């Protein structure tokens, strides 16, 4: 084969490889979205960042292997590889990996949830003790203040009667 055809085949192979890399990365993002629920804003931001990086990545492939000239067959190779990967492998792998990671996360988080319960119970008991001690002091102070007012009132009355 001529060197020009070899060069074009290399570009085609690298574009197919680039599409495969992009789909594997995007599937990783999708797996984490299933494990850790994402808001619509987070999904949009992730997608914008991903597709910007993906465009730079594909442009770099064109730049390195085809002197920066994008070819339609290269773009078709990238998109075709991505679609083929999604159709053959992607959905099943994403679902299975998400289920496995969710089970792992639940298993790892169980002790932390128990620890959180213990800490919450302890902190509540400490807070109620602290609150009760303040309440008792305040009621004692109020009672003392009331007694002092009564005593001063009685004293002032008795002084008025005698004087």
N, C-alpha and C. Protein backbone atom coordinates (compact mmCIF):
# COMPACT_ATOMS: atom_id res chain seq x y z
N UNK A 1 0.84 -1.18 0.00
CA UNK A 1 0.00 0.00 0.00
C UNK A 1 0.88 1.24 0.00
N UNK A 2 0.30 2.27 -0.49
CA UNK A 2 1.05 3.53 -0.55
C UNK A 2 1.10 4.17 0.84
N UNK A 3 2.09 4.99 1.08
CA UNK A 3 2.21 5.65 2.40
C UNK A 3 1.02 6.56 2.70
N UNK A 4 0.42 7.17 1.69
CA UNK A 4 -0.73 8.06 1.91
C UNK A 4 -1.92 7.26 2.44
N UNK A 5 -2.14 6.07 1.87
CA UNK A 5 -3.27 5.24 2.33
C UNK A 5 -2.99 4.74 3.75
N UNK A 6 -1.73 4.35 4.02
CA UNK A 6 -1.37 3.92 5.38
C UNK A 6 -1.62 5.04 6.39
N UNK A 7 -1.30 6.24 5.99
CA UNK A 7 -1.51 7.39 6.86
C UNK A 7 -3.00 7.62 7.14
N UNK A 8 -3.82 7.49 6.12
CA UNK A 8 -5.27 7.67 6.27
C UNK A 8 -5.87 6.55 7.13
N UNK A 9 -5.37 5.32 6.94
CA UNK A 9 -5.84 4.22 7.78
C UNK A 9 -5.45 4.41 9.25
N UNK A 10 -4.26 4.97 9.47
CA UNK A 10 -3.83 5.26 10.83
C UNK A 10 -4.75 6.32 11.47
N UNK A 11 -5.10 7.35 10.70
CA UNK A 11 -6.02 8.37 11.19
C UNK A 11 -7.37 7.73 11.53
N UNK A 12 -7.86 6.87 10.65
CA UNK A 12 -9.14 6.19 10.88
C UNK A 12 -9.08 5.33 12.15
N UNK A 13 -7.99 4.59 12.32
CA UNK A 13 -7.85 3.73 13.50
C UNK A 13 -7.75 4.57 14.78
N UNK A 14 -7.03 5.66 14.71
CA UNK A 14 -6.88 6.51 15.89
C UNK A 14 -8.20 7.20 16.24
N UNK A 15 -8.98 7.56 15.24
CA UNK A 15 -10.30 8.16 15.50
C UNK A 15 -11.23 7.14 16.14
N UNK A 16 -11.18 5.90 15.67
CA UNK A 16 -12.00 4.85 16.28
C UNK A 16 -11.56 4.62 17.73
N UNK A 17 -10.26 4.62 17.95
CA UNK A 17 -9.73 4.47 19.30
C UNK A 17 -10.17 5.65 20.18
N UNK A 18 -10.12 6.85 19.63
CA UNK A 18 -10.56 8.04 20.36
C UNK A 18 -12.03 7.94 20.76
N UNK A 19 -12.88 7.46 19.84
CA UNK A 19 -14.29 7.28 20.16
C UNK A 19 -14.49 6.27 21.27
N UNK A 20 -13.70 5.20 21.25
CA UNK A 20 -13.78 4.19 22.31
C UNK A 20 -13.38 4.77 23.66
N UNK A 21 -12.29 5.53 23.68
CA UNK A 21 -11.83 6.17 24.92
C UNK A 21 -12.90 7.13 25.46
N UNK A 22 -13.48 7.91 24.57
CA UNK A 22 -14.52 8.86 25.00
C UNK A 22 -15.72 8.14 25.61
N UNK A 23 -16.15 7.05 24.99
CA UNK A 23 -17.31 6.33 25.52
C UNK A 23 -17.01 5.68 26.86
N UNK A 24 -15.83 5.16 27.04
CA UNK A 24 -15.47 4.56 28.33
C UNK A 24 -15.48 5.64 29.41
N UNK A 25 -14.94 6.81 29.10
CA UNK A 25 -14.94 7.91 30.07
C UNK A 25 -16.37 8.38 30.36
N UNK A 26 -17.19 8.51 29.34
CA UNK A 26 -18.56 8.96 29.54
C UNK A 26 -19.38 7.92 30.32
N UNK A 27 -19.10 6.65 30.07
CA UNK A 27 -19.78 5.60 30.84
C UNK A 27 -19.40 5.66 32.31
N UNK A 28 -18.13 6.00 32.59
CA UNK A 28 -17.72 6.18 33.99
C UNK A 28 -18.51 7.31 34.64
N UNK A 29 -18.71 8.39 33.91
CA UNK A 29 -19.52 9.49 34.42
C UNK A 29 -20.95 9.03 34.67
N UNK A 30 -21.49 8.28 33.73
CA UNK A 30 -22.88 7.80 33.88
C UNK A 30 -23.03 6.85 35.06
N UNK A 31 -22.01 6.02 35.30
CA UNK A 31 -22.05 5.12 36.46
C UNK A 31 -22.10 5.93 37.74
N UNK A 32 -21.25 6.93 37.86
CA UNK A 32 -21.24 7.74 39.07
C UNK A 32 -22.53 8.54 39.23
N UNK A 33 -23.15 8.90 38.12
CA UNK A 33 -24.44 9.58 38.21
C UNK A 33 -25.52 8.66 38.76
N UNK A 34 -25.41 7.37 38.49
CA UNK A 34 -26.41 6.43 39.01
C UNK A 34 -26.15 6.12 40.49
N UNK A 35 -24.88 6.04 40.85
CA UNK A 35 -24.53 5.74 42.24
C UNK A 35 -24.80 6.94 43.13
N UNK A 36 -24.34 8.12 42.72
CA UNK A 36 -24.55 9.36 43.46
C UNK A 36 -25.51 10.22 42.65
N UNK A 37 -26.75 10.27 43.08
CA UNK A 37 -27.79 10.99 42.35
C UNK A 37 -27.34 12.41 42.04
N UNK A 38 -27.59 12.83 40.79
CA UNK A 38 -27.14 14.14 40.33
C UNK A 38 -28.32 15.04 40.01
N UNK A 39 -28.16 16.31 40.34
CA UNK A 39 -29.18 17.28 39.96
C UNK A 39 -29.00 17.62 38.48
N UNK A 40 -30.01 18.22 37.91
CA UNK A 40 -29.95 18.56 36.48
C UNK A 40 -28.85 19.57 36.20
N UNK A 41 -28.62 20.48 37.13
CA UNK A 41 -27.55 21.48 36.95
C UNK A 41 -26.20 20.79 36.91
N UNK A 42 -25.98 19.85 37.82
CA UNK A 42 -24.70 19.13 37.85
C UNK A 42 -24.51 18.33 36.56
N UNK A 43 -25.57 17.72 36.06
CA UNK A 43 -25.48 16.94 34.82
C UNK A 43 -25.09 17.85 33.66
N UNK A 44 -25.71 19.01 33.58
CA UNK A 44 -25.41 19.95 32.50
C UNK A 44 -23.96 20.40 32.57
N UNK A 45 -23.50 20.76 33.75
CA UNK A 45 -22.11 21.22 33.91
C UNK A 45 -21.14 20.10 33.56
N UNK A 46 -21.41 18.89 34.04
CA UNK A 46 -20.54 17.75 33.70
C UNK A 46 -20.50 17.51 32.19
N UNK A 47 -21.65 17.57 31.55
CA UNK A 47 -21.71 17.33 30.11
C UNK A 47 -20.95 18.41 29.32
N UNK A 48 -21.11 19.65 29.71
CA UNK A 48 -20.40 20.73 29.02
C UNK A 48 -18.89 20.54 29.16
N UNK A 49 -18.45 20.24 30.37
CA UNK A 49 -17.02 20.01 30.59
C UNK A 49 -16.54 18.80 29.80
N UNK A 50 -17.30 17.70 29.87
CA UNK A 50 -16.89 16.49 29.17
C UNK A 50 -16.78 16.71 27.67
N UNK A 51 -17.81 17.29 27.07
CA UNK A 51 -17.78 17.44 25.61
C UNK A 51 -16.77 18.47 25.15
N UNK A 52 -16.44 19.44 25.99
CA UNK A 52 -15.36 20.37 25.65
C UNK A 52 -14.03 19.64 25.63
N UNK A 53 -13.79 18.86 26.67
CA UNK A 53 -12.54 18.07 26.72
C UNK A 53 -12.52 17.04 25.59
N UNK A 54 -13.66 16.45 25.28
CA UNK A 54 -13.74 15.46 24.19
C UNK A 54 -13.39 16.11 22.85
N UNK A 55 -13.90 17.30 22.61
CA UNK A 55 -13.59 17.99 21.35
C UNK A 55 -12.10 18.29 21.25
N UNK A 56 -11.50 18.73 22.36
CA UNK A 56 -10.06 18.99 22.37
C UNK A 56 -9.26 17.70 22.14
N UNK A 57 -9.73 16.63 22.74
CA UNK A 57 -9.07 15.33 22.59
C UNK A 57 -9.09 14.86 21.13
N UNK A 58 -10.25 14.95 20.50
CA UNK A 58 -10.37 14.52 19.10
C UNK A 58 -9.58 15.45 18.19
N UNK A 59 -9.61 16.75 18.48
CA UNK A 59 -8.81 17.68 17.68
C UNK A 59 -7.34 17.35 17.80
N UNK A 60 -6.91 16.97 19.00
CA UNK A 60 -5.51 16.62 19.18
C UNK A 60 -5.14 15.38 18.36
N UNK A 61 -6.06 14.43 18.25
CA UNK A 61 -5.81 13.26 17.40
C UNK A 61 -5.65 13.70 15.95
N UNK A 62 -6.55 14.56 15.48
CA UNK A 62 -6.43 15.06 14.11
C UNK A 62 -5.14 15.84 13.93
N UNK A 63 -4.78 16.62 14.91
CA UNK A 63 -3.58 17.44 14.81
C UNK A 63 -2.33 16.57 14.75
N UNK A 64 -2.29 15.53 15.57
CA UNK A 64 -1.11 14.69 15.65
C UNK A 64 -0.98 13.75 14.45
N UNK A 65 -2.10 13.17 14.00
CA UNK A 65 -2.03 12.14 12.98
C UNK A 65 -2.43 12.62 11.58
N UNK A 66 -3.03 13.79 11.48
CA UNK A 66 -3.47 14.25 10.16
C UNK A 66 -3.15 15.73 9.94
N UNK A 67 -2.12 16.23 10.63
CA UNK A 67 -1.64 17.61 10.47
C UNK A 67 -2.74 18.63 10.74
N UNK A 68 -3.63 18.33 11.64
CA UNK A 68 -4.68 19.26 12.02
C UNK A 68 -5.85 19.36 11.06
N UNK A 69 -5.90 18.50 10.07
CA UNK A 69 -7.01 18.55 9.10
C UNK A 69 -8.07 17.52 9.48
N UNK A 70 -9.20 17.98 9.97
CA UNK A 70 -10.26 17.01 10.28
C UNK A 70 -10.86 16.45 8.99
N UNK A 71 -11.11 15.20 8.98
CA UNK A 71 -11.73 14.53 7.84
C UNK A 71 -13.09 14.00 8.25
N UNK A 72 -14.01 13.99 7.32
CA UNK A 72 -15.35 13.50 7.63
C UNK A 72 -15.32 12.03 8.05
N UNK A 73 -14.50 11.24 7.40
CA UNK A 73 -14.45 9.83 7.77
C UNK A 73 -13.90 9.67 9.18
N UNK A 74 -13.06 10.59 9.64
CA UNK A 74 -12.54 10.54 11.01
C UNK A 74 -13.64 10.84 12.02
N UNK A 75 -14.43 11.86 11.71
CA UNK A 75 -15.54 12.22 12.59
C UNK A 75 -16.56 11.08 12.62
N UNK A 76 -16.83 10.50 11.45
CA UNK A 76 -17.76 9.37 11.37
C UNK A 76 -17.22 8.18 12.15
N UNK A 77 -15.89 7.97 12.09
CA UNK A 77 -15.28 6.87 12.83
C UNK A 77 -15.44 7.08 14.33
N UNK A 78 -15.24 8.32 14.79
CA UNK A 78 -15.40 8.61 16.23
C UNK A 78 -16.84 8.36 16.65
N UNK A 79 -17.79 8.97 15.95
CA UNK A 79 -19.20 8.84 16.31
C UNK A 79 -19.70 7.40 16.15
N UNK A 80 -19.25 6.73 15.09
CA UNK A 80 -19.66 5.34 14.85
C UNK A 80 -19.15 4.41 15.95
N UNK A 81 -17.91 4.61 16.35
CA UNK A 81 -17.35 3.78 17.43
C UNK A 81 -18.11 4.02 18.73
N UNK A 82 -18.43 5.28 18.99
CA UNK A 82 -19.17 5.60 20.21
C UNK A 82 -20.56 4.95 20.19
N UNK A 83 -21.24 5.05 19.07
CA UNK A 83 -22.58 4.46 18.95
C UNK A 83 -22.53 2.94 19.05
N UNK A 84 -21.56 2.34 18.38
CA UNK A 84 -21.41 0.89 18.41
C UNK A 84 -21.09 0.39 19.83
N UNK A 85 -20.20 1.08 20.50
CA UNK A 85 -19.85 0.71 21.88
C UNK A 85 -21.08 0.81 22.77
N UNK A 86 -21.84 1.90 22.64
CA UNK A 86 -23.05 2.08 23.46
C UNK A 86 -24.06 0.98 23.18
N UNK A 87 -24.23 0.64 21.93
CA UNK A 87 -25.23 -0.35 21.53
C UNK A 87 -24.83 -1.76 21.99
N UNK A 88 -23.55 -2.10 21.85
CA UNK A 88 -23.11 -3.46 22.18
C UNK A 88 -22.79 -3.66 23.66
N UNK A 89 -22.17 -2.67 24.27
CA UNK A 89 -21.62 -2.88 25.60
C UNK A 89 -22.14 -1.88 26.64
N UNK A 90 -22.21 -0.64 26.28
CA UNK A 90 -22.40 0.46 27.21
C UNK A 90 -23.50 0.33 28.22
N UNK A 91 -24.72 0.12 27.77
CA UNK A 91 -25.87 0.10 28.68
C UNK A 91 -25.74 -0.99 29.73
N UNK A 92 -25.35 -2.17 29.30
CA UNK A 92 -25.24 -3.29 30.24
C UNK A 92 -24.13 -3.07 31.26
N UNK A 93 -23.01 -2.57 30.77
CA UNK A 93 -21.88 -2.34 31.68
C UNK A 93 -22.21 -1.25 32.68
N UNK A 94 -22.84 -0.19 32.23
CA UNK A 94 -23.20 0.91 33.13
C UNK A 94 -24.15 0.41 34.22
N UNK A 95 -25.16 -0.32 33.85
CA UNK A 95 -26.12 -0.81 34.84
C UNK A 95 -25.47 -1.75 35.85
N UNK A 96 -24.69 -2.72 35.36
CA UNK A 96 -24.06 -3.68 36.26
C UNK A 96 -23.05 -3.01 37.19
N UNK A 97 -22.23 -2.13 36.64
CA UNK A 97 -21.25 -1.42 37.46
C UNK A 97 -21.93 -0.53 38.49
N UNK A 98 -23.02 0.12 38.10
CA UNK A 98 -23.74 0.97 39.04
C UNK A 98 -24.32 0.15 40.19
N UNK A 99 -24.87 -1.01 39.89
CA UNK A 99 -25.42 -1.88 40.94
C UNK A 99 -24.31 -2.35 41.87
N UNK A 100 -23.18 -2.76 41.30
CA UNK A 100 -22.06 -3.24 42.12
C UNK A 100 -21.52 -2.11 43.01
N UNK A 101 -21.31 -0.94 42.43
CA UNK A 101 -20.81 0.19 43.21
C UNK A 101 -21.79 0.63 44.29
N UNK A 102 -23.07 0.58 43.99
CA UNK A 102 -24.07 0.94 45.00
C UNK A 102 -24.01 -0.03 46.17
N UNK A 103 -23.88 -1.33 45.90
CA UNK A 103 -23.76 -2.31 46.98
C UNK A 103 -22.49 -2.07 47.80
N UNK A 104 -21.39 -1.78 47.12
CA UNK A 104 -20.13 -1.51 47.82
C UNK A 104 -20.28 -0.27 48.71
N UNK A 105 -20.89 0.77 48.17
CA UNK A 105 -21.06 2.01 48.94
C UNK A 105 -21.95 1.78 50.16
N UNK A 106 -23.02 1.02 49.99
CA UNK A 106 -23.91 0.74 51.12
C UNK A 106 -23.17 -0.05 52.19
N UNK A 107 -22.36 -1.02 51.76
CA UNK A 107 -21.60 -1.83 52.70
C UNK A 107 -20.59 -0.97 53.45
N UNK A 108 -19.92 -0.09 52.73
CA UNK A 108 -18.92 0.76 53.37
C UNK A 108 -19.55 1.82 54.27
N UNK A 109 -20.74 2.27 53.92
CA UNK A 109 -21.38 3.34 54.69
C UNK A 109 -22.16 2.85 55.91
N UNK A 110 -22.43 1.54 55.99
CA UNK A 110 -23.17 1.00 57.13
C UNK A 110 -22.52 1.35 58.47
N UNK A 111 -21.21 1.08 58.63
CA UNK A 111 -20.59 1.44 59.92
C UNK A 111 -20.62 2.95 60.18
N UNK A 112 -20.50 3.73 59.13
CA UNK A 112 -20.53 5.18 59.32
C UNK A 112 -21.92 5.66 59.75
N UNK A 113 -22.97 5.02 59.23
CA UNK A 113 -24.33 5.39 59.65
C UNK A 113 -24.55 5.04 61.12
N UNK A 114 -24.04 3.87 61.54
CA UNK A 114 -24.17 3.48 62.94
C UNK A 114 -23.40 4.46 63.83
N UNK A 115 -22.21 4.84 63.39
CA UNK A 115 -21.41 5.80 64.14
C UNK A 115 -22.13 7.14 64.23
N UNK A 116 -22.76 7.54 63.16
CA UNK A 116 -23.52 8.80 63.15
C UNK A 116 -24.66 8.74 64.15
N UNK A 117 -25.36 7.59 64.21
CA UNK A 117 -26.45 7.41 65.18
C UNK A 117 -25.94 7.55 66.60
N UNK A 118 -24.82 6.89 66.89
CA UNK A 118 -24.26 6.93 68.23
C UNK A 118 -23.87 8.36 68.59
N UNK A 119 -23.23 9.04 67.67
CA UNK A 119 -22.81 10.42 67.92
C UNK A 119 -24.02 11.32 68.11
N UNK A 120 -25.05 11.13 67.31
CA UNK A 120 -26.25 11.94 67.43
C UNK A 120 -26.92 11.72 68.78
N UNK A 121 -27.03 10.47 69.21
CA UNK A 121 -27.66 10.16 70.50
C UNK A 121 -26.84 10.77 71.63
N UNK A 122 -25.53 10.61 71.58
CA UNK A 122 -24.66 11.15 72.63
C UNK A 122 -24.76 12.67 72.68
N UNK A 123 -24.72 13.30 71.51
CA UNK A 123 -24.78 14.77 71.48
C UNK A 123 -26.13 15.28 71.97
N UNK A 124 -27.21 14.57 71.66
CA UNK A 124 -28.53 14.97 72.15
C UNK A 124 -28.58 14.86 73.66
N UNK A 125 -28.05 13.78 74.22
CA UNK A 125 -28.08 13.62 75.67
C UNK A 125 -27.23 14.70 76.34
N UNK A 126 -26.10 15.03 75.77
CA UNK A 126 -25.25 16.08 76.33
C UNK A 126 -25.96 17.42 76.25
N UNK A 127 -26.60 17.69 75.12
CA UNK A 127 -27.31 18.95 74.96
C UNK A 127 -28.47 19.07 75.92
N UNK A 128 -29.22 17.98 76.11
CA UNK A 128 -30.35 18.06 77.03
C UNK A 128 -29.86 18.26 78.47
N UNK A 129 -28.77 17.62 78.86
CA UNK A 129 -28.20 17.83 80.20
C UNK A 129 -27.77 19.28 80.37
N UNK A 130 -27.11 19.79 79.35
CA UNK A 130 -26.64 21.18 79.39
C UNK A 130 -27.83 22.14 79.44
N UNK A 131 -28.84 21.86 78.67
CA UNK A 131 -30.04 22.69 78.63
C UNK A 131 -30.76 22.65 79.97
N UNK A 132 -30.87 21.45 80.54
CA UNK A 132 -31.53 21.30 81.83
C UNK A 132 -30.77 22.05 82.93
N UNK A 133 -29.46 22.00 82.91
CA UNK A 133 -28.69 22.70 83.93
C UNK A 133 -28.90 24.20 83.81
N UNK A 134 -28.99 24.71 82.60
CA UNK A 134 -29.28 26.14 82.40
C UNK A 134 -30.69 26.46 82.86
N UNK A 135 -31.62 25.60 82.55
CA UNK A 135 -33.01 25.82 82.93
C UNK A 135 -33.14 25.84 84.45
N UNK A 136 -32.48 24.92 85.12
CA UNK A 136 -32.53 24.87 86.58
C UNK A 136 -31.92 26.13 87.19
N UNK A 137 -30.80 26.58 86.66
CA UNK A 137 -30.16 27.79 87.16
C UNK A 137 -31.08 28.98 86.97
N UNK A 138 -31.68 29.05 85.79
CA UNK A 138 -32.57 30.17 85.50
C UNK A 138 -33.78 30.16 86.42
N UNK A 139 -34.36 29.00 86.67
CA UNK A 139 -35.53 28.94 87.55
C UNK A 139 -35.12 29.28 88.98
N UNK A 140 -33.93 28.83 89.41
CA UNK A 140 -33.44 29.17 90.75
C UNK A 140 -33.26 30.67 90.87
N UNK A 141 -32.67 31.27 89.83
CA UNK A 141 -32.45 32.72 89.84
C UNK A 141 -33.78 33.46 89.87
N UNK A 142 -34.75 32.98 89.12
CA UNK A 142 -36.06 33.62 89.10
C UNK A 142 -36.73 33.51 90.47
N UNK A 143 -36.62 32.33 91.09
CA UNK A 143 -37.20 32.14 92.41
C UNK A 143 -36.52 33.05 93.42
N UNK A 144 -35.22 33.13 93.38
CA UNK A 144 -34.48 33.97 94.29
C UNK A 144 -34.85 35.43 94.09
N UNK A 145 -34.93 35.87 92.84
CA UNK A 145 -35.31 37.25 92.54
C UNK A 145 -36.70 37.55 93.07
N UNK A 146 -37.62 36.61 92.92
CA UNK A 146 -38.99 36.80 93.39
C UNK A 146 -39.01 36.91 94.92
N UNK A 147 -38.25 36.07 95.60
CA UNK A 147 -38.18 36.12 97.06
C UNK A 147 -37.59 37.44 97.55
N UNK A 148 -36.55 37.89 96.85
CA UNK A 148 -35.93 39.15 97.25
C UNK A 148 -36.91 40.31 97.08
N UNK A 149 -37.67 40.29 95.99
CA UNK A 149 -38.65 41.34 95.77
C UNK A 149 -39.72 41.32 96.86
N UNK A 150 -40.15 40.10 97.22
CA UNK A 150 -41.15 39.98 98.28
C UNK A 150 -40.60 40.51 99.61
N UNK A 151 -39.36 40.15 99.91
CA UNK A 151 -38.75 40.60 101.16
C UNK A 151 -38.60 42.12 101.19
N UNK A 152 -38.13 42.70 100.08
CA UNK A 152 -37.98 44.16 100.05
C UNK A 152 -39.33 44.83 100.15
N UNK A 153 -40.35 44.24 99.57
CA UNK A 153 -41.70 44.81 99.64
C UNK A 153 -42.20 44.77 101.09
N UNK A 154 -41.99 43.61 101.76
CA UNK A 154 -42.42 43.47 103.14
C UNK A 154 -41.66 44.45 104.04
N UNK A 155 -40.36 44.61 103.79
CA UNK A 155 -39.56 45.53 104.57
C UNK A 155 -40.06 46.95 104.40
N UNK A 156 -40.33 47.32 103.15
CA UNK A 156 -40.78 48.68 102.90
C UNK A 156 -42.14 48.92 103.56
N UNK A 157 -43.02 47.92 103.59
CA UNK A 157 -44.33 48.03 104.23
C UNK A 157 -44.18 48.17 105.75
N UNK A 158 -43.29 47.33 106.28
CA UNK A 158 -43.12 47.38 107.74
C UNK A 158 -42.47 48.71 108.18
N UNK A 159 -41.59 49.25 107.34
CA UNK A 159 -40.98 50.53 107.66
C UNK A 159 -42.01 51.64 107.59
N UNK A 160 -42.94 51.58 106.66
CA UNK A 160 -43.98 52.58 106.53
C UNK A 160 -44.91 52.55 107.75
N UNK A 161 -45.22 51.32 108.24
CA UNK A 161 -46.10 51.16 109.38
C UNK A 161 -45.43 51.71 110.65
N UNK A 162 -44.17 51.44 110.83
CA UNK A 162 -43.46 51.86 112.03
C UNK A 162 -43.08 53.34 111.95
N UNK A 163 -42.81 53.83 110.80
CA UNK A 163 -42.27 55.18 110.66
C UNK A 163 -43.22 56.17 110.26
